[in-house]
Amino acid sequence: ELRRNIQGISQKMLTQQLRELEQDNIVVRKSYNTVPPKVEYYLSDYGRSLEKLLDTLCSWGEMHVSTLQAKGEDVALVKVN
């Protein structure tokens, strides 16, 4: 699901980033012993503590895109579900 929603990311890069986030205790990895294999990631409590900061950064990014567009620059905002 993450790979489908993040344009241009390879499975290798996504796996590498998720492993780093897991090592930093930002996400938790849960694997299921099924065929085909299934793995889920979710935010840890520590990772959820970043929510307000990330919301603020996203809001700033949206404002910045609007500012650039108001100056006549060809900028598009792409939202990820």
PDB file of N, CA and C in Angstrom:
ATOM      1  N   GLU A   1       0.834  -1.195   0.000  1.00  0.00           N
ATOM      2  CA  GLU A   1       0.000   0.000   0.000  1.00  0.00           C
ATOM      3  C   GLU A   1       0.875   1.255   0.000  1.00  0.00           C
ATOM      4  N   LEU A   2       1.919   1.256   0.833  1.00  0.00           N
ATOM      5  CA  LEU A   2       2.814   2.421   0.852  1.00  0.00           C
ATOM      6  C   LEU A   2       3.469   2.637  -0.505  1.00  0.00           C
ATOM      7  N   ARG A   3       3.948   1.550  -1.102  1.00  0.00           N
ATOM      8  CA  ARG A   3       4.640   1.673  -2.384  1.00  0.00           C
ATOM      9  C   ARG A   3       3.703   2.199  -3.458  1.00  0.00           C
ATOM     10  N   ARG A   4       2.447   1.792  -3.421  1.00  0.00           N
ATOM     11  CA  ARG A   4       1.471   2.294  -4.408  1.00  0.00           C
ATOM     12  C   ARG A   4       1.214   3.785  -4.228  1.00  0.00           C
ATOM     13  N   ASN A   5       1.288   4.261  -2.991  1.00  0.00           N
ATOM     14  CA  ASN A   5       0.956   5.657  -2.711  1.00  0.00           C
ATOM     15  C   ASN A   5       2.140   6.611  -2.762  1.00  0.00           C
ATOM     16  N   ILE A   6       3.348   6.084  -2.867  1.00  0.00           N
ATOM     17  CA  ILE A   6       4.540   6.933  -2.954  1.00  0.00           C
ATOM     18  C   ILE A   6       5.111   6.772  -4.355  1.00  0.00           C
ATOM     19  N   GLN A   7       4.840   7.741  -5.193  1.00  0.00           N
ATOM     20  CA  GLN A   7       5.260   7.658  -6.584  1.00  0.00           C
ATOM     21  C   GLN A   7       6.781   7.605  -6.707  1.00  0.00           C
ATOM     22  N   GLY A   8       7.270   6.674  -7.521  1.00  0.00           N
ATOM     23  CA  GLY A   8       8.676   6.623  -7.851  1.00  0.00           C
ATOM     24  C   GLY A   8       9.573   5.920  -6.850  1.00  0.00           C
ATOM     25  N   ILE A   9       9.022   5.346  -5.787  1.00  0.00           N
ATOM     26  CA  ILE A   9       9.883   4.660  -4.815  1.00  0.00           C
ATOM     27  C   ILE A   9       9.988   3.179  -5.179  1.00  0.00           C
ATOM     28  N   SER A  10      11.184   2.654  -5.097  1.00  0.00           N
ATOM     29  CA  SER A  10      11.391   1.231  -5.363  1.00  0.00           C
ATOM     30  C   SER A  10      11.119   0.429  -4.094  1.00  0.00           C
ATOM     31  N   GLN A  11      10.865  -0.849  -4.266  1.00  0.00           N
ATOM     32  CA  GLN A  11      10.652  -1.715  -3.106  1.00  0.00           C
ATOM     33  C   GLN A  11      11.888  -1.726  -2.217  1.00  0.00           C
ATOM     34  N   LYS A  12      13.073  -1.734  -2.834  1.00  0.00           N
ATOM     35  CA  LYS A  12      14.323  -1.755  -2.080  1.00  0.00           C
ATOM     36  C   LYS A  12      14.460  -0.505  -1.208  1.00  0.00           C
ATOM     37  N   MET A  13      14.201   0.658  -1.771  1.00  0.00           N
ATOM     38  CA  MET A  13      14.327   1.917  -1.026  1.00  0.00           C
ATOM     39  C   MET A  13      13.272   2.002   0.082  1.00  0.00           C
ATOM     40  N   LEU A  14      12.050   1.581  -0.223  1.00  0.00           N
ATOM     41  CA  LEU A  14      10.992   1.602   0.784  1.00  0.00           C
ATOM     42  C   LEU A  14      11.356   0.700   1.959  1.00  0.00           C
ATOM     43  N   THR A  15      11.831  -0.503   1.661  1.00  0.00           N
ATOM     44  CA  THR A  15      12.229  -1.433   2.711  1.00  0.00           C
ATOM     45  C   THR A  15      13.359  -0.857   3.552  1.00  0.00           C
ATOM     46  N   GLN A  16      14.330  -0.256   2.896  1.00  0.00           N
ATOM     47  CA  GLN A  16      15.462   0.344   3.614  1.00  0.00           C
ATOM     48  C   GLN A  16      14.998   1.452   4.547  1.00  0.00           C
ATOM     49  N   GLN A  17      14.124   2.319   4.060  1.00  0.00           N
ATOM     50  CA  GLN A  17      13.631   3.423   4.882  1.00  0.00           C
ATOM     51  C   GLN A  17      12.798   2.917   6.057  1.00  0.00           C
ATOM     52  N   LEU A  18      11.954   1.910   5.807  1.00  0.00           N
ATOM     53  CA  LEU A  18      11.141   1.362   6.887  1.00  0.00           C
ATOM     54  C   LEU A  18      12.006   0.694   7.951  1.00  0.00           C
ATOM     55  N   ARG A  19      13.059   0.021   7.533  1.00  0.00           N
ATOM     56  CA  ARG A  19      13.970  -0.595   8.498  1.00  0.00           C
ATOM     57  C   ARG A  19      14.661   0.460   9.358  1.00  0.00           C
ATOM     58  N   GLU A  20      15.053   1.569   8.735  1.00  0.00           N
ATOM     59  CA  GLU A  20      15.674   2.655   9.507  1.00  0.00           C
ATOM     60  C   GLU A  20      14.679   3.247  10.503  1.00  0.00           C
ATOM     61  N   LEU A  21      13.442   3.446  10.071  1.00  0.00           N
ATOM     62  CA  LEU A  21      12.416   3.971  10.971  1.00  0.00           C
ATOM     63  C   LEU A  21      12.131   2.986  12.106  1.00  0.00           C
ATOM     64  N   GLU A  22      12.192   1.693  11.806  1.00  0.00           N
ATOM     65  CA  GLU A  22      12.008   0.681  12.848  1.00  0.00           C
ATOM     66  C   GLU A  22      13.168   0.717  13.840  1.00  0.00           C
ATOM     67  N   GLN A  23      14.388   0.847  13.345  1.00  0.00           N
ATOM     68  CA  GLN A  23      15.552   0.922  14.235  1.00  0.00           C
ATOM     69  C   GLN A  23      15.483   2.150  15.140  1.00  0.00           C
ATOM     70  N   ASP A  24      14.895   3.228  14.633  1.00  0.00           N
ATOM     71  CA  ASP A  24      14.765   4.457  15.413  1.00  0.00           C
ATOM     72  C   ASP A  24      13.512   4.470  16.280  1.00  0.00           C
ATOM     73  N   ASN A  25      12.783   3.341  16.314  1.00  0.00           N
ATOM     74  CA  ASN A  25      11.578   3.189  17.127  1.00  0.00           C
ATOM     75  C   ASN A  25      10.460   4.143  16.719  1.00  0.00           C
ATOM     76  N   ILE A  26      10.430   4.512  15.442  1.00  0.00           N
ATOM     77  CA  ILE A  26       9.362   5.381  14.948  1.00  0.00           C
ATOM     78  C   ILE A  26       8.210   4.541  14.408  1.00  0.00           C
ATOM     79  N   VAL A  27       8.529   3.408  13.795  1.00  0.00           N
ATOM     80  CA  VAL A  27       7.496   2.473  13.351  1.00  0.00           C
ATOM     81  C   VAL A  27       7.741   1.114  13.984  1.00  0.00           C
ATOM     82  N   VAL A  28       6.666   0.332  14.041  1.00  0.00           N
ATOM     83  CA  VAL A  28       6.726  -1.034  14.542  1.00  0.00           C
ATOM     84  C   VAL A  28       6.379  -1.950  13.378  1.00  0.00           C
ATOM     85  N   ARG A  29       7.148  -3.014  13.219  1.00  0.00           N
ATOM     86  CA  ARG A  29       6.933  -3.975  12.139  1.00  0.00           C
ATOM     87  C   ARG A  29       6.288  -5.225  12.719  1.00  0.00           C
ATOM     88  N   LYS A  30       5.201  -5.651  12.095  1.00  0.00           N
ATOM     89  CA  LYS A  30       4.534  -6.879  12.510  1.00  0.00           C
ATOM     90  C   LYS A  30       4.454  -7.790  11.292  1.00  0.00           C
ATOM     91  N   SER A  31       5.031  -8.978  11.399  1.00  0.00           N
ATOM     92  CA  SER A  31       5.000  -9.911  10.278  1.00  0.00           C
ATOM     93  C   SER A  31       4.086 -11.078  10.609  1.00  0.00           C
ATOM     94  N   TYR A  32       3.432 -11.582   9.559  1.00  0.00           N
ATOM     95  CA  TYR A  32       2.507 -12.699   9.687  1.00  0.00           C
ATOM     96  C   TYR A  32       3.095 -13.886   8.923  1.00  0.00           C
ATOM     97  N   ASN A  33       3.014 -15.048   9.505  1.00  0.00           N
ATOM     98  CA  ASN A  33       3.526 -16.260   8.884  1.00  0.00           C
ATOM     99  C   ASN A  33       2.448 -16.837   7.971  1.00  0.00           C
ATOM    100  N   THR A  34       2.254 -16.187   6.822  1.00  0.00           N
ATOM    101  CA  THR A  34       1.229 -16.592   5.867  1.00  0.00           C
ATOM    102  C   THR A  34       1.848 -16.733   4.494  1.00  0.00           C
ATOM    103  N   VAL A  35       1.071 -17.330   3.584  1.00  0.00           N
ATOM    104  CA  VAL A  35       1.472 -17.412   2.185  1.00  0.00           C
ATOM    105  C   VAL A  35       0.405 -16.689   1.391  1.00  0.00           C
ATOM    106  N   PRO A  36       0.744 -15.635   0.669  1.00  0.00           N
ATOM    107  CA  PRO A  36       2.053 -14.995   0.601  1.00  0.00           C
ATOM    108  C   PRO A  36       2.358 -14.262   1.915  1.00  0.00           C
ATOM    109  N   PRO A  37       3.644 -13.986   2.147  1.00  0.00           N
ATOM    110  CA  PRO A  37       4.022 -13.294   3.387  1.00  0.00           C
ATOM    111  C   PRO A  37       3.326 -11.943   3.511  1.00  0.00           C
ATOM    112  N   LYS A  38       3.001 -11.592   4.729  1.00  0.00           N
ATOM    113  CA  LYS A  38       2.337 -10.309   4.982  1.00  0.00           C
ATOM    114  C   LYS A  38       3.085  -9.596   6.090  1.00  0.00           C
ATOM    115  N   VAL A  39       3.343  -8.300   5.871  1.00  0.00           N
ATOM    116  CA  VAL A  39       4.024  -7.473   6.861  1.00  0.00           C
ATOM    117  C   VAL A  39       3.229  -6.182   7.008  1.00  0.00           C
ATOM    118  N   GLU A  40       3.034  -5.757   8.236  1.00  0.00           N
ATOM    119  CA  GLU A  40       2.365  -4.480   8.510  1.00  0.00           C
ATOM    120  C   GLU A  40       3.308  -3.587   9.300  1.00  0.00           C
ATOM    121  N   TYR A  41       3.220  -2.312   9.034  1.00  0.00           N
ATOM    122  CA  TYR A  41       3.966  -1.311   9.787  1.00  0.00           C
ATOM    123  C   TYR A  41       2.955  -0.338  10.374  1.00  0.00           C
ATOM    124  N   TYR A  42       3.222   0.102  11.575  1.00  0.00           N
ATOM    125  CA  TYR A  42       2.397   1.145  12.178  1.00  0.00           C
ATOM    126  C   TYR A  42       3.284   2.022  13.042  1.00  0.00           C
ATOM    127  N   LEU A  43       2.810   3.228  13.307  1.00  0.00           N
ATOM    128  CA  LEU A  43       3.576   4.163  14.124  1.00  0.00           C
ATOM    129  C   LEU A  43       3.603   3.713  15.574  1.00  0.00           C
ATOM    130  N   SER A  44       4.762   3.794  16.165  1.00  0.00           N
ATOM    131  CA  SER A  44       4.884   3.537  17.603  1.00  0.00           C
ATOM    132  C   SER A  44       4.356   4.768  18.341  1.00  0.00           C
ATOM    133  N   ASP A  45       4.239   4.666  19.644  1.00  0.00           N
ATOM    134  CA  ASP A  45       3.855   5.845  20.430  1.00  0.00           C
ATOM    135  C   ASP A  45       4.872   6.966  20.208  1.00  0.00           C
ATOM    136  N   TYR A  46       6.135   6.587  20.168  1.00  0.00           N
ATOM    137  CA  TYR A  46       7.203   7.566  19.912  1.00  0.00           C
ATOM    138  C   TYR A  46       7.028   8.200  18.534  1.00  0.00           C
ATOM    139  N   GLY A  47       6.708   7.394  17.545  1.00  0.00           N
ATOM    140  CA  GLY A  47       6.479   7.908  16.197  1.00  0.00           C
ATOM    141  C   GLY A  47       5.276   8.841  16.136  1.00  0.00           C
ATOM    142  N   ARG A  48       4.225   8.500  16.883  1.00  0.00           N
ATOM    143  CA  ARG A  48       3.032   9.369  16.906  1.00  0.00           C
ATOM    144  C   ARG A  48       3.336  10.722  17.537  1.00  0.00           C
ATOM    145  N   SER A  49       4.399  10.776  18.348  1.00  0.00           N
ATOM    146  CA  SER A  49       4.752  12.066  18.955  1.00  0.00           C
ATOM    147  C   SER A  49       5.231  13.070  17.898  1.00  0.00           C
ATOM    148  N   LEU A  50       5.537  12.595  16.700  1.00  0.00           N
ATOM    149  CA  LEU A  50       5.964  13.477  15.603  1.00  0.00           C
ATOM    150  C   LEU A  50       4.783  14.082  14.837  1.00  0.00           C
ATOM    151  N   GLU A  51       3.580  13.625  15.126  1.00  0.00           N
ATOM    152  CA  GLU A  51       2.411  14.002  14.339  1.00  0.00           C
ATOM    153  C   GLU A  51       2.206  15.517  14.221  1.00  0.00           C
ATOM    154  N   LYS A  52       2.250  16.237  15.325  1.00  0.00           N
ATOM    155  CA  LYS A  52       2.025  17.691  15.273  1.00  0.00           C
ATOM    156  C   LYS A  52       3.111  18.390  14.468  1.00  0.00           C
ATOM    157  N   LEU A  53       4.345  17.952  14.657  1.00  0.00           N
ATOM    158  CA  LEU A  53       5.459  18.537  13.914  1.00  0.00           C
ATOM    159  C   LEU A  53       5.294  18.300  12.410  1.00  0.00           C
ATOM    160  N   LEU A  54       4.945  17.084  12.026  1.00  0.00           N
ATOM    161  CA  LEU A  54       4.772  16.769  10.614  1.00  0.00           C
ATOM    162  C   LEU A  54       3.576  17.506  10.015  1.00  0.00           C
ATOM    163  N   ASP A  55       2.501  17.640  10.785  1.00  0.00           N
ATOM    164  CA  ASP A  55       1.349  18.423  10.311  1.00  0.00           C
ATOM    165  C   ASP A  55       1.753  19.871  10.047  1.00  0.00           C
ATOM    166  N   THR A  56       2.565  20.430  10.943  1.00  0.00           N
ATOM    167  CA  THR A  56       3.048  21.803  10.770  1.00  0.00           C
ATOM    168  C   THR A  56       3.904  21.919   9.518  1.00  0.00           C
ATOM    169  N   LEU A  57       4.799  20.957   9.306  1.00  0.00           N
ATOM    170  CA  LEU A  57       5.642  20.971   8.105  1.00  0.00           C
ATOM    171  C   LEU A  57       4.803  20.852   6.830  1.00  0.00           C
ATOM    172  N   CYS A  58       3.790  20.004   6.856  1.00  0.00           N
ATOM    173  CA  CYS A  58       2.910  19.860   5.690  1.00  0.00           C
ATOM    174  C   CYS A  58       2.163  21.162   5.407  1.00  0.00           C
ATOM    175  N   SER A  59       1.670  21.795   6.447  1.00  0.00           N
ATOM    176  CA  SER A  59       0.970  23.072   6.271  1.00  0.00           C
ATOM    177  C   SER A  59       1.894  24.116   5.677  1.00  0.00           C
ATOM    178  N   TRP A  60       3.133  24.174   6.161  1.00  0.00           N
ATOM    179  CA  TRP A  60       4.097  25.121   5.619  1.00  0.00           C
ATOM    180  C   TRP A  60       4.370  24.813   4.146  1.00  0.00           C
ATOM    181  N   GLY A  61       4.525  23.539   3.823  1.00  0.00           N
ATOM    182  CA  GLY A  61       4.776  23.136   2.443  1.00  0.00           C
ATOM    183  C   GLY A  61       3.644  23.552   1.520  1.00  0.00           C
ATOM    184  N   GLU A  62       2.407  23.384   1.962  1.00  0.00           N
ATOM    185  CA  GLU A  62       1.254  23.800   1.160  1.00  0.00           C
ATOM    186  C   GLU A  62       1.253  25.311   0.966  1.00  0.00           C
ATOM    187  N   MET A  63       1.575  26.057   2.029  1.00  0.00           N
ATOM    188  CA  MET A  63       1.646  27.506   1.932  1.00  0.00           C
ATOM    189  C   MET A  63       2.757  27.921   0.959  1.00  0.00           C
ATOM    190  N   HIS A  64       3.888  27.247   1.032  1.00  0.00           N
ATOM    191  CA  HIS A  64       5.022  27.561   0.160  1.00  0.00           C
ATOM    192  C   HIS A  64       4.663  27.332  -1.306  1.00  0.00           C
ATOM    193  N   VAL A  65       3.976  26.230  -1.596  1.00  0.00           N
ATOM    194  CA  VAL A  65       3.540  25.965  -2.971  1.00  0.00           C
ATOM    195  C   VAL A  65       2.608  27.080  -3.434  1.00  0.00           C
ATOM    196  N   SER A  66       1.676  27.491  -2.581  1.00  0.00           N
ATOM    197  CA  SER A  66       0.760  28.587  -2.942  1.00  0.00           C
ATOM    198  C   SER A  66       1.518  29.874  -3.212  1.00  0.00           C
ATOM    199  N   THR A  67       2.534  30.150  -2.403  1.00  0.00           N
ATOM    200  CA  THR A  67       3.350  31.348  -2.585  1.00  0.00           C
ATOM    201  C   THR A  67       4.070  31.305  -3.927  1.00  0.00           C
ATOM    202  N   LEU A  68       4.656  30.160  -4.254  1.00  0.00           N
ATOM    203  CA  LEU A  68       5.349  30.024  -5.535  1.00  0.00           C
ATOM    204  C   LEU A  68       4.383  30.155  -6.702  1.00  0.00           C
ATOM    205  N   GLN A  69       3.210  29.550  -6.575  1.00  0.00           N
ATOM    206  CA  GLN A  69       2.207  29.645  -7.636  1.00  0.00           C
ATOM    207  C   GLN A  69       1.748  31.088  -7.820  1.00  0.00           C
ATOM    208  N   ALA A  70       1.610  31.831  -6.713  1.00  0.00           N
ATOM    209  CA  ALA A  70       1.207  33.234  -6.796  1.00  0.00           C
ATOM    210  C   ALA A  70       2.248  34.074  -7.527  1.00  0.00           C
ATOM    211  N   LYS A  71       3.502  33.633  -7.477  1.00  0.00           N
ATOM    212  CA  LYS A  71       4.592  34.311  -8.192  1.00  0.00           C
ATOM    213  C   LYS A  71       4.652  33.879  -9.655  1.00  0.00           C
ATOM    214  N   GLY A  72       3.768  32.966 -10.055  1.00  0.00           N
ATOM    215  CA  GLY A  72       3.720  32.528 -11.438  1.00  0.00           C
ATOM    216  C   GLY A  72       4.552  31.297 -11.742  1.00  0.00           C
ATOM    217  N   GLU A  73       5.120  30.678 -10.721  1.00  0.00           N
ATOM    218  CA  GLU A  73       5.913  29.474 -10.957  1.00  0.00           C
ATOM    219  C   GLU A  73       4.997  28.278 -11.164  1.00  0.00           C
ATOM    220  N   ASP A  74       5.439  27.379 -12.021  1.00  0.00           N
ATOM    221  CA  ASP A  74       4.665  26.182 -12.338  1.00  0.00           C
ATOM    222  C   ASP A  74       4.989  25.094 -11.319  1.00  0.00           C
ATOM    223  N   VAL A  75       4.227  25.077 -10.218  1.00  0.00           N
ATOM    224  CA  VAL A  75       4.450  24.130  -9.133  1.00  0.00           C
ATOM    225  C   VAL A  75       3.142  23.408  -8.872  1.00  0.00           C
ATOM    226  N   ALA A  76       3.236  22.098  -8.694  1.00  0.00           N
ATOM    227  CA  ALA A  76       2.044  21.315  -8.390  1.00  0.00           C
ATOM    228  C   ALA A  76       2.213  20.632  -7.051  1.00  0.00           C
ATOM    229  N   LEU A  77       1.147  20.550  -6.310  1.00  0.00           N
ATOM    230  CA  LEU A  77       1.141  19.869  -5.022  1.00  0.00           C
ATOM    231  C   LEU A  77       0.521  18.491  -5.232  1.00  0.00           C
ATOM    232  N   VAL A  78       1.261  17.447  -4.911  1.00  0.00           N
ATOM    233  CA  VAL A  78       0.791  16.082  -5.064  1.00  0.00           C
ATOM    234  C   VAL A  78       0.503  15.520  -3.687  1.00  0.00           C
ATOM    235  N   LYS A  79      -0.724  15.103  -3.456  1.00  0.00           N
ATOM    236  CA  LYS A  79      -1.102  14.550  -2.159  1.00  0.00           C
ATOM    237  C   LYS A  79      -1.005  13.042  -2.205  1.00  0.00           C
ATOM    238  N   VAL A  80      -0.512  12.469  -1.120  1.00  0.00           N
ATOM    239  CA  VAL A  80      -0.422  11.015  -0.974  1.00  0.00           C
ATOM    240  C   VAL A  80      -1.485  10.597   0.022  1.00  0.00           C
ATOM    241  N   ASN A  81      -2.248   9.602  -0.346  1.00  0.00           N
ATOM    242  CA  ASN A  81      -3.314   9.119   0.556  1.00  0.00           C
ATOM    243  C   ASN A  81      -2.755   8.370   1.715  1.00  0.00           C
TER     244      ASN A  81
END
